[in-house]
Amino acid sequence: MSSDRNISVIPLAKAGFVDGGNYETYRPGYTDDVVKEIILMATDSVDLLDGECEYDILELGAGTGKFTECLLKHCPQGMKVLVTEPSNDFIKTLEEKIPVVETRQCSANKIPLPDNSVKAIIAAQCFHWFANEENISEIVRVLKPGGNFVLVWNVLDESSLLNADFQKFILKWIKDSPQYYDMRWKQFLDNCDQVRLVSRKLFDGNDLSGSIDHLVRLRTTFSYIQSLEEVQKEEACAEIKAFYENHPERKGKEFLTHPMKTDVLHYKIS
């Protein structure tokens, strides 16, 4: 791994993503169907792109490699993949888990690659953290003209009563934290003339199931909980546990399930 010392992330992300092992244990992965569709989007019309490329796919904000692992499982043989992540702890977890993948430690505003050197960029579970003009300009810089930009999020299925109630309950900690659900990232892209939306698809995801204690530990992987002071974090976990224990869907069950979807958006460079 090479590292760019000029890594730029917002303070909440820096404080909230420090425990790679915990994140790796509790966050969901991606279904085979979703990953295959993402690869189709990432490789769409790339045979028409002019000139050579250093990489077929660049993954931004790869975290602990939850998506990376699935990507490498389904990638066509010989495809050149580069994985990047700004968090020191997360990229160490990724490299221990997937030692064969090439990695760079960097943020999205300073990608250590030449202009027009990548055919496709994928950002899974992260673009809401860096949806701004500086970062999209850097993404466009390294992509070849006509290249593909694919965004992916595992999200709560809004049709579930448990999910709808949880979304309202958790707002007290989220506050102004960048989130997929606030759609500010989508508003930014809708008004950005550097990319154009090709398609958006919603897939069934990997449901989050487990004991109440398991689901509480899952919530500690989210920045708005992880970044709290220790006493505040303990209080938050106690409140989250009480939410699950008292929710109507529990009804004496040992395990609860958050039904999940995966939202995938395919953009091309304008």
C-alpha atoms as a PDB file:
ATOM      1  CA  MET A   1       0.000   0.000   0.000  1.00  0.00           C
ATOM      2  CA  SER A   2       1.128   3.508  -0.780  1.00  0.00           C
ATOM      3  CA  SER A   3      -0.233   6.440   1.174  1.00  0.00           C
ATOM      4  CA  ASP A   4      -1.056  10.060   0.433  1.00  0.00           C
ATOM      5  CA  ARG A   5      -0.279  12.078   3.545  1.00  0.00           C
ATOM      6  CA  ASN A   6      -2.593  14.885   2.464  1.00  0.00           C
ATOM      7  CA  ILE A   7      -5.737  12.928   3.306  1.00  0.00           C
ATOM      8  CA  SER A   8      -8.823  15.086   3.690  1.00  0.00           C
ATOM      9  CA  VAL A   9     -11.998  13.800   5.369  1.00  0.00           C
ATOM     10  CA  ILE A  10     -14.579  15.611   7.445  1.00  0.00           C
ATOM     11  CA  PRO A  11     -14.043  15.369  11.254  1.00  0.00           C
ATOM     12  CA  LEU A  12     -17.112  13.196  11.893  1.00  0.00           C
ATOM     13  CA  ALA A  13     -15.906  10.593   9.396  1.00  0.00           C
ATOM     14  CA  LYS A  14     -12.413  10.668  10.869  1.00  0.00           C
ATOM     15  CA  ALA A  15     -13.748  10.124  14.401  1.00  0.00           C
ATOM     16  CA  GLY A  16     -16.492   7.728  13.368  1.00  0.00           C
ATOM     17  CA  PHE A  17     -14.558   5.180  11.321  1.00  0.00           C
ATOM     18  CA  VAL A  18     -11.749   3.951  13.555  1.00  0.00           C
ATOM     19  CA  ASP A  19     -12.659   0.349  14.394  1.00  0.00           C
ATOM     20  CA  GLY A  20     -12.207  -1.692  11.246  1.00  0.00           C
ATOM     21  CA  GLY A  21     -12.713  -5.022  12.989  1.00  0.00           C
ATOM     22  CA  ASN A  22     -16.086  -3.998  14.404  1.00  0.00           C
ATOM     23  CA  TYR A  23     -17.229  -2.622  11.044  1.00  0.00           C
ATOM     24  CA  GLU A  24     -16.134  -5.774   9.237  1.00  0.00           C
ATOM     25  CA  THR A  25     -17.997  -8.007  11.700  1.00  0.00           C
ATOM     26  CA  TYR A  26     -21.367  -6.285  11.742  1.00  0.00           C
ATOM     27  CA  ARG A  27     -21.921  -4.420   8.457  1.00  0.00           C
ATOM     28  CA  PRO A  28     -23.752  -6.316   5.677  1.00  0.00           C
ATOM     29  CA  GLY A  29     -22.188  -7.422   2.428  1.00  0.00           C
ATOM     30  CA  TYR A  30     -23.743  -7.498  -1.047  1.00  0.00           C
ATOM     31  CA  THR A  31     -25.724 -10.132  -2.905  1.00  0.00           C
ATOM     32  CA  ASP A  32     -24.255 -11.842  -5.950  1.00  0.00           C
ATOM     33  CA  ASP A  33     -27.003 -10.432  -8.184  1.00  0.00           C
ATOM     34  CA  VAL A  34     -26.221  -6.870  -7.103  1.00  0.00           C
ATOM     35  CA  VAL A  35     -22.478  -7.241  -7.643  1.00  0.00           C
ATOM     36  CA  LYS A  36     -22.932  -8.769 -11.108  1.00  0.00           C
ATOM     37  CA  GLU A  37     -25.191  -5.859 -12.111  1.00  0.00           C
ATOM     38  CA  ILE A  38     -22.678  -3.314 -10.780  1.00  0.00           C
ATOM     39  CA  ILE A  39     -19.897  -4.916 -12.835  1.00  0.00           C
ATOM     40  CA  LEU A  40     -22.106  -4.701 -15.936  1.00  0.00           C
ATOM     41  CA  MET A  41     -22.614  -0.987 -15.247  1.00  0.00           C
ATOM     42  CA  ALA A  42     -18.914  -0.409 -14.589  1.00  0.00           C
ATOM     43  CA  THR A  43     -17.910  -2.124 -17.825  1.00  0.00           C
ATOM     44  CA  ASP A  44     -20.674  -0.599 -19.973  1.00  0.00           C
ATOM     45  CA  SER A  45     -19.262   0.500 -23.377  1.00  0.00           C
ATOM     46  CA  VAL A  46     -15.671   0.575 -22.046  1.00  0.00           C
ATOM     47  CA  ASP A  47     -14.472  -1.157 -25.215  1.00  0.00           C
ATOM     48  CA  LEU A  48     -15.325   2.079 -27.017  1.00  0.00           C
ATOM     49  CA  LEU A  49     -13.041   4.222 -24.843  1.00  0.00           C
ATOM     50  CA  ASP A  50      -9.910   5.527 -26.522  1.00  0.00           C
ATOM     51  CA  GLY A  51      -6.392   4.715 -25.355  1.00  0.00           C
ATOM     52  CA  GLU A  52      -4.886   2.625 -22.606  1.00  0.00           C
ATOM     53  CA  CYS A  53      -5.897   2.758 -18.944  1.00  0.00           C
ATOM     54  CA  GLU A  54      -3.966   2.029 -15.774  1.00  0.00           C
ATOM     55  CA  TYR A  55      -7.033   0.458 -14.138  1.00  0.00           C
ATOM     56  CA  ASP A  56     -10.326  -0.999 -15.259  1.00  0.00           C
ATOM     57  CA  ILE A  57     -11.994  -0.250 -11.919  1.00  0.00           C
ATOM     58  CA  LEU A  58     -11.081   2.126  -9.120  1.00  0.00           C
ATOM     59  CA  GLU A  59     -12.999   1.669  -5.867  1.00  0.00           C
ATOM     60  CA  LEU A  60     -13.207   4.769  -3.690  1.00  0.00           C
ATOM     61  CA  GLY A  61     -13.820   4.672   0.070  1.00  0.00           C
ATOM     62  CA  ALA A  62     -13.556   0.887   0.216  1.00  0.00           C
ATOM     63  CA  GLY A  63     -13.643   0.760   4.018  1.00  0.00           C
ATOM     64  CA  THR A  64     -12.774  -2.717   5.268  1.00  0.00           C
ATOM     65  CA  GLY A  65     -13.399  -4.267   1.862  1.00  0.00           C
ATOM     66  CA  LYS A  66     -17.010  -5.387   2.257  1.00  0.00           C
ATOM     67  CA  PHE A  67     -17.737  -4.589  -1.385  1.00  0.00           C
ATOM     68  CA  THR A  68     -14.169  -5.227  -2.588  1.00  0.00           C
ATOM     69  CA  GLU A  69     -14.363  -8.877  -1.597  1.00  0.00           C
ATOM     70  CA  CYS A  70     -17.583  -9.337  -3.597  1.00  0.00           C
ATOM     71  CA  LEU A  71     -16.186  -7.390  -6.561  1.00  0.00           C
ATOM     72  CA  LEU A  72     -13.065  -9.545  -6.850  1.00  0.00           C
ATOM     73  CA  LYS A  73     -15.180 -12.701  -6.620  1.00  0.00           C
ATOM     74  CA  HIS A  74     -17.129 -11.753  -9.763  1.00  0.00           C
ATOM     75  CA  CYS A  75     -14.658  -9.640 -11.765  1.00  0.00           C
ATOM     76  CA  PRO A  76     -13.658 -11.002 -15.177  1.00  0.00           C
ATOM     77  CA  GLN A  77     -10.186 -12.522 -15.152  1.00  0.00           C
ATOM     78  CA  GLY A  78      -7.423 -10.063 -15.910  1.00  0.00           C
ATOM     79  CA  MET A  79      -9.354  -6.976 -14.854  1.00  0.00           C
ATOM     80  CA  LYS A  80      -7.112  -4.409 -13.162  1.00  0.00           C
ATOM     81  CA  VAL A  81      -8.587  -3.133  -9.902  1.00  0.00           C
ATOM     82  CA  LEU A  82      -7.296  -0.459  -7.511  1.00  0.00           C
ATOM     83  CA  VAL A  83      -8.871   0.042  -4.088  1.00  0.00           C
ATOM     84  CA  THR A  84      -8.604   3.243  -2.031  1.00  0.00           C
ATOM     85  CA  GLU A  85      -9.598   4.209   1.517  1.00  0.00           C
ATOM     86  CA  PRO A  86      -8.667   7.204   3.715  1.00  0.00           C
ATOM     87  CA  SER A  87      -8.989   5.538   7.152  1.00  0.00           C
ATOM     88  CA  ASN A  88      -5.750   4.002   8.390  1.00  0.00           C
ATOM     89  CA  ASP A  89      -7.488   1.401  10.565  1.00  0.00           C
ATOM     90  CA  PHE A  90      -9.981   0.420   7.870  1.00  0.00           C
ATOM     91  CA  ILE A  91      -7.409  -0.032   5.121  1.00  0.00           C
ATOM     92  CA  LYS A  92      -5.289  -2.198   7.422  1.00  0.00           C
ATOM     93  CA  THR A  93      -8.319  -4.431   8.014  1.00  0.00           C
ATOM     94  CA  LEU A  94      -8.934  -4.580   4.255  1.00  0.00           C
ATOM     95  CA  GLU A  95      -5.334  -5.505   3.453  1.00  0.00           C
ATOM     96  CA  GLU A  96      -5.266  -8.243   6.093  1.00  0.00           C
ATOM     97  CA  LYS A  97      -8.471  -9.717   4.682  1.00  0.00           C
ATOM     98  CA  ILE A  98      -7.627  -9.322   0.970  1.00  0.00           C
ATOM     99  CA  PRO A  99      -3.820  -9.220   0.657  1.00  0.00           C
ATOM    100  CA  VAL A 100      -3.906  -9.749  -3.126  1.00  0.00           C
ATOM    101  CA  VAL A 101      -5.636  -6.459  -3.946  1.00  0.00           C
ATOM    102  CA  GLU A 102      -3.684  -3.309  -4.820  1.00  0.00           C
ATOM    103  CA  THR A 103      -4.462  -0.455  -2.423  1.00  0.00           C
ATOM    104  CA  ARG A 104      -3.756   3.240  -1.952  1.00  0.00           C
ATOM    105  CA  GLN A 105      -4.550   5.265   1.154  1.00  0.00           C
ATOM    106  CA  CYS A 106      -6.079   8.505  -0.076  1.00  0.00           C
ATOM    107  CA  SER A 107      -9.186  10.656   0.010  1.00  0.00           C
ATOM    108  CA  ALA A 108     -11.446  11.333  -2.943  1.00  0.00           C
ATOM    109  CA  ASN A 109     -10.174  14.882  -3.481  1.00  0.00           C
ATOM    110  CA  LYS A 110      -6.607  13.723  -4.134  1.00  0.00           C
ATOM    111  CA  ILE A 111      -6.518  10.484  -6.115  1.00  0.00           C
ATOM    112  CA  PRO A 112      -2.877   9.597  -6.927  1.00  0.00           C
ATOM    113  CA  LEU A 113      -3.479   8.727 -10.578  1.00  0.00           C
ATOM    114  CA  PRO A 114      -2.944  10.532 -13.906  1.00  0.00           C
ATOM    115  CA  ASP A 115      -5.724  12.165 -15.895  1.00  0.00           C
ATOM    116  CA  ASN A 116      -7.995   9.818 -17.882  1.00  0.00           C
ATOM    117  CA  SER A 117      -6.387   6.708 -16.405  1.00  0.00           C
ATOM    118  CA  VAL A 118      -9.441   4.738 -15.184  1.00  0.00           C
ATOM    119  CA  LYS A 119     -12.380   3.217 -17.055  1.00  0.00           C
ATOM    120  CA  ALA A 120     -14.786   3.052 -14.107  1.00  0.00           C
ATOM    121  CA  ILE A 121     -15.101   4.229 -10.508  1.00  0.00           C
ATOM    122  CA  ILE A 122     -17.280   2.516  -7.902  1.00  0.00           C
ATOM    123  CA  ALA A 123     -18.161   4.043  -4.535  1.00  0.00           C
ATOM    124  CA  ALA A 124     -20.050   1.710  -2.183  1.00  0.00           C
ATOM    125  CA  GLN A 125     -21.665   3.045   0.992  1.00  0.00           C
ATOM    126  CA  CYS A 126     -19.633   6.241   0.999  1.00  0.00           C
ATOM    127  CA  PHE A 127     -20.374   8.931  -1.599  1.00  0.00           C
ATOM    128  CA  HIS A 128     -22.613  10.912   0.772  1.00  0.00           C
ATOM    129  CA  TRP A 129     -19.412  11.724   2.704  1.00  0.00           C
ATOM    130  CA  PHE A 130     -17.713  13.484  -0.208  1.00  0.00           C
ATOM    131  CA  ALA A 131     -20.482  14.723  -2.498  1.00  0.00           C
ATOM    132  CA  ASN A 132     -19.075  18.127  -3.443  1.00  0.00           C
ATOM    133  CA  GLU A 133     -17.557  19.993  -6.367  1.00  0.00           C
ATOM    134  CA  GLU A 134     -13.923  19.362  -5.424  1.00  0.00           C
ATOM    135  CA  ASN A 135     -14.344  15.610  -5.202  1.00  0.00           C
ATOM    136  CA  ILE A 136     -16.500  15.139  -8.292  1.00  0.00           C
ATOM    137  CA  SER A 137     -13.977  17.173 -10.298  1.00  0.00           C
ATOM    138  CA  GLU A 138     -11.218  14.837  -9.132  1.00  0.00           C
ATOM    139  CA  ILE A 139     -13.326  11.800 -10.006  1.00  0.00           C
ATOM    140  CA  VAL A 140     -13.964  13.196 -13.484  1.00  0.00           C
ATOM    141  CA  ARG A 141     -10.267  14.012 -13.883  1.00  0.00           C
ATOM    142  CA  VAL A 142      -9.073  10.422 -13.447  1.00  0.00           C
ATOM    143  CA  LEU A 143     -11.928   8.825 -15.425  1.00  0.00           C
ATOM    144  CA  LYS A 144     -11.675   8.504 -19.169  1.00  0.00           C
ATOM    145  CA  PRO A 145     -14.258  10.565 -21.096  1.00  0.00           C
ATOM    146  CA  GLY A 146     -17.365   8.398 -21.312  1.00  0.00           C
ATOM    147  CA  GLY A 147     -16.228   6.392 -18.280  1.00  0.00           C
ATOM    148  CA  ASN A 148     -18.620   4.925 -15.736  1.00  0.00           C
ATOM    149  CA  PHE A 149     -19.290   6.110 -12.185  1.00  0.00           C
ATOM    150  CA  VAL A 150     -21.346   3.699 -10.053  1.00  0.00           C
ATOM    151  CA  LEU A 151     -22.750   4.482  -6.603  1.00  0.00           C
ATOM    152  CA  VAL A 152     -23.979   1.775  -4.234  1.00  0.00           C
ATOM    153  CA  TRP A 153     -25.735   1.806  -0.869  1.00  0.00           C
ATOM    154  CA  ASN A 154     -27.205  -0.889   1.362  1.00  0.00           C
ATOM    155  CA  VAL A 155     -30.287   0.819   2.813  1.00  0.00           C
ATOM    156  CA  LEU A 156     -33.215   0.033   5.078  1.00  0.00           C
ATOM    157  CA  ASP A 157     -36.340  -1.217   3.287  1.00  0.00           C
ATOM    158  CA  GLU A 158     -38.785   1.641   3.872  1.00  0.00           C
ATOM    159  CA  SER A 159     -41.807  -0.689   3.767  1.00  0.00           C
ATOM    160  CA  SER A 160     -40.801  -2.286   7.098  1.00  0.00           C
ATOM    161  CA  LEU A 161     -42.461  -0.945  10.268  1.00  0.00           C
ATOM    162  CA  LEU A 162     -39.318  -1.684  12.290  1.00  0.00           C
ATOM    163  CA  ASN A 163     -37.191   0.256   9.790  1.00  0.00           C
ATOM    164  CA  ALA A 164     -39.581   3.216   9.615  1.00  0.00           C
ATOM    165  CA  ASP A 165     -39.729   3.496  13.402  1.00  0.00           C
ATOM    166  CA  PHE A 166     -35.966   3.100  13.735  1.00  0.00           C
ATOM    167  CA  GLN A 167     -35.298   5.863  11.209  1.00  0.00           C
ATOM    168  CA  LYS A 168     -37.375   8.280  13.290  1.00  0.00           C
ATOM    169  CA  PHE A 169     -35.843   7.097  16.566  1.00  0.00           C
ATOM    170  CA  ILE A 170     -32.217   7.477  15.446  1.00  0.00           C
ATOM    171  CA  LEU A 171     -32.570  11.100  14.292  1.00  0.00           C
ATOM    172  CA  LYS A 172     -31.563  12.422  17.714  1.00  0.00           C
ATOM    173  CA  TRP A 173     -27.993  11.241  17.073  1.00  0.00           C
ATOM    174  CA  ILE A 174     -27.743  11.760  13.320  1.00  0.00           C
ATOM    175  CA  LYS A 175     -28.415  15.515  13.438  1.00  0.00           C
ATOM    176  CA  ASP A 176     -26.489  17.069  10.500  1.00  0.00           C
ATOM    177  CA  SER A 177     -24.308  14.031   9.796  1.00  0.00           C
ATOM    178  CA  PRO A 178     -24.108  13.295   6.037  1.00  0.00           C
ATOM    179  CA  GLN A 179     -26.428  10.385   5.285  1.00  0.00           C
ATOM    180  CA  TYR A 180     -27.671   8.475   2.280  1.00  0.00           C
ATOM    181  CA  TYR A 181     -31.205   9.136   3.505  1.00  0.00           C
ATOM    182  CA  ASP A 182     -30.975  12.942   3.454  1.00  0.00           C
ATOM    183  CA  MET A 183     -30.441  12.783  -0.344  1.00  0.00           C
ATOM    184  CA  ARG A 184     -28.165  15.842  -0.346  1.00  0.00           C
ATOM    185  CA  TRP A 185     -25.701  13.803  -2.413  1.00  0.00           C
ATOM    186  CA  LYS A 186     -28.465  13.160  -4.992  1.00  0.00           C
ATOM    187  CA  GLN A 187     -29.428  16.838  -5.140  1.00  0.00           C
ATOM    188  CA  PHE A 188     -25.775  17.673  -5.733  1.00  0.00           C
ATOM    189  CA  LEU A 189     -25.476  15.191  -8.617  1.00  0.00           C
ATOM    190  CA  ASP A 190     -28.792  16.296 -10.133  1.00  0.00           C
ATOM    191  CA  ASN A 191     -27.335  19.786 -10.427  1.00  0.00           C
ATOM    192  CA  CYS A 192     -23.866  18.689 -11.560  1.00  0.00           C
ATOM    193  CA  ASP A 193     -23.103  19.133 -15.249  1.00  0.00           C
ATOM    194  CA  GLN A 194     -20.027  16.868 -15.115  1.00  0.00           C
ATOM    195  CA  VAL A 195     -21.995  13.602 -14.899  1.00  0.00           C
ATOM    196  CA  ARG A 196     -25.300  12.280 -16.206  1.00  0.00           C
ATOM    197  CA  LEU A 197     -27.501   9.587 -14.715  1.00  0.00           C
ATOM    198  CA  VAL A 198     -27.889   6.496 -16.914  1.00  0.00           C
ATOM    199  CA  SER A 199     -29.955   4.290 -14.608  1.00  0.00           C
ATOM    200  CA  ARG A 200     -31.015   3.685 -11.023  1.00  0.00           C
ATOM    201  CA  LYS A 201     -32.038   0.265  -9.732  1.00  0.00           C
ATOM    202  CA  LEU A 202     -33.233  -0.969  -6.349  1.00  0.00           C
ATOM    203  CA  PHE A 203     -32.418  -4.583  -5.431  1.00  0.00           C
ATOM    204  CA  ASP A 204     -33.232  -6.877  -2.529  1.00  0.00           C
ATOM    205  CA  GLY A 205     -30.283  -6.768  -0.147  1.00  0.00           C
ATOM    206  CA  ASN A 206     -28.837  -8.877   2.654  1.00  0.00           C
ATOM    207  CA  ASP A 207     -31.237  -8.479   5.571  1.00  0.00           C
ATOM    208  CA  LEU A 208     -29.767  -7.526   8.947  1.00  0.00           C
ATOM    209  CA  SER A 209     -30.852 -10.196  11.435  1.00  0.00           C
ATOM    210  CA  GLY A 210     -29.670 -10.987  14.921  1.00  0.00           C
ATOM    211  CA  SER A 211     -30.207 -10.759  18.623  1.00  0.00           C
ATOM    212  CA  ILE A 212     -30.863  -7.381  20.191  1.00  0.00           C
ATOM    213  CA  ASP A 213     -27.277  -7.250  21.450  1.00  0.00           C
ATOM    214  CA  HIS A 214     -26.021  -7.992  17.932  1.00  0.00           C
ATOM    215  CA  LEU A 215     -28.124  -5.186  16.428  1.00  0.00           C
ATOM    216  CA  VAL A 216     -26.936  -2.751  19.095  1.00  0.00           C
ATOM    217  CA  ARG A 217     -23.310  -3.606  18.292  1.00  0.00           C
ATOM    218  CA  LEU A 218     -24.116  -3.081  14.605  1.00  0.00           C
ATOM    219  CA  ARG A 219     -25.235   0.467  15.409  1.00  0.00           C
ATOM    220  CA  THR A 220     -21.868   1.233  17.011  1.00  0.00           C
ATOM    221  CA  THR A 221     -20.311   0.918  13.534  1.00  0.00           C
ATOM    222  CA  PHE A 222     -22.171   4.048  12.421  1.00  0.00           C
ATOM    223  CA  SER A 223     -20.251   7.308  12.699  1.00  0.00           C
ATOM    224  CA  TYR A 224     -22.957   9.158  14.614  1.00  0.00           C
ATOM    225  CA  ILE A 225     -22.638   6.611  17.473  1.00  0.00           C
ATOM    226  CA  GLN A 226     -18.941   5.697  17.180  1.00  0.00           C
ATOM    227  CA  SER A 227     -17.888   9.369  17.366  1.00  0.00           C
ATOM    228  CA  LEU A 228     -19.651   9.991  20.708  1.00  0.00           C
ATOM    229  CA  GLU A 229     -17.762  10.314  23.976  1.00  0.00           C
ATOM    230  CA  GLU A 230     -17.662   7.002  25.847  1.00  0.00           C
ATOM    231  CA  VAL A 231     -20.348   7.900  28.396  1.00  0.00           C
ATOM    232  CA  GLN A 232     -22.636   9.250  25.658  1.00  0.00           C
ATOM    233  CA  LYS A 233     -22.010   6.138  23.584  1.00  0.00           C
ATOM    234  CA  GLU A 234     -23.023   3.877  26.484  1.00  0.00           C
ATOM    235  CA  GLU A 235     -26.189   5.918  27.001  1.00  0.00           C
ATOM    236  CA  ALA A 236     -27.004   5.748  23.289  1.00  0.00           C
ATOM    237  CA  CYS A 237     -26.506   1.975  23.211  1.00  0.00           C
ATOM    238  CA  ALA A 238     -28.800   1.588  26.225  1.00  0.00           C
ATOM    239  CA  GLU A 239     -31.507   3.623  24.459  1.00  0.00           C
ATOM    240  CA  ILE A 240     -31.109   1.640  21.238  1.00  0.00           C
ATOM    241  CA  LYS A 241     -31.378  -1.618  23.174  1.00  0.00           C
ATOM    242  CA  ALA A 242     -34.569  -0.382  24.840  1.00  0.00           C
ATOM    243  CA  PHE A 243     -35.977   0.555  21.427  1.00  0.00           C
ATOM    244  CA  TYR A 244     -35.558  -3.004  20.171  1.00  0.00           C
ATOM    245  CA  GLU A 245     -36.806  -4.588  23.401  1.00  0.00           C
ATOM    246  CA  ASN A 246     -40.000  -2.521  23.367  1.00  0.00           C
ATOM    247  CA  HIS A 247     -40.776  -2.529  19.645  1.00  0.00           C
ATOM    248  CA  PRO A 248     -44.059  -4.258  18.641  1.00  0.00           C
ATOM    249  CA  GLU A 249     -42.256  -6.445  16.083  1.00  0.00           C
ATOM    250  CA  ARG A 250     -40.264  -8.124  18.815  1.00  0.00           C
ATOM    251  CA  LYS A 251     -43.238  -9.921  20.387  1.00  0.00           C
ATOM    252  CA  GLY A 252     -41.006 -12.170  22.441  1.00  0.00           C
ATOM    253  CA  LYS A 253     -38.734 -13.047  19.519  1.00  0.00           C
ATOM    254  CA  GLU A 254     -35.098 -13.810  20.236  1.00  0.00           C
ATOM    255  CA  PHE A 255     -34.029 -12.331  16.876  1.00  0.00           C
ATOM    256  CA  LEU A 256     -35.157  -9.270  14.926  1.00  0.00           C
ATOM    257  CA  THR A 257     -34.697  -8.477  11.246  1.00  0.00           C
ATOM    258  CA  HIS A 258     -34.123  -5.204   9.410  1.00  0.00           C
ATOM    259  CA  PRO A 259     -35.173  -5.924   5.783  1.00  0.00           C
ATOM    260  CA  MET A 260     -32.655  -4.330   3.414  1.00  0.00           C
ATOM    261  CA  LYS A 261     -32.471  -3.029  -0.145  1.00  0.00           C
ATOM    262  CA  THR A 262     -29.456  -2.067  -2.267  1.00  0.00           C
ATOM    263  CA  ASP A 263     -29.686   1.172  -4.243  1.00  0.00           C
ATOM    264  CA  VAL A 264     -27.423   1.323  -7.312  1.00  0.00           C
ATOM    265  CA  LEU A 265     -26.960   4.394  -9.504  1.00  0.00           C
ATOM    266  CA  HIS A 266     -25.038   4.366 -12.788  1.00  0.00           C
ATOM    267  CA  TYR A 267     -23.573   7.668 -14.038  1.00  0.00           C
ATOM    268  CA  LYS A 268     -21.395   8.488 -17.026  1.00  0.00           C
ATOM    269  CA  ILE A 269     -18.999  11.355 -17.458  1.00  0.00           C
ATOM    270  CA  SER A 270     -20.701  14.034 -19.538  1.00  0.00           C
END
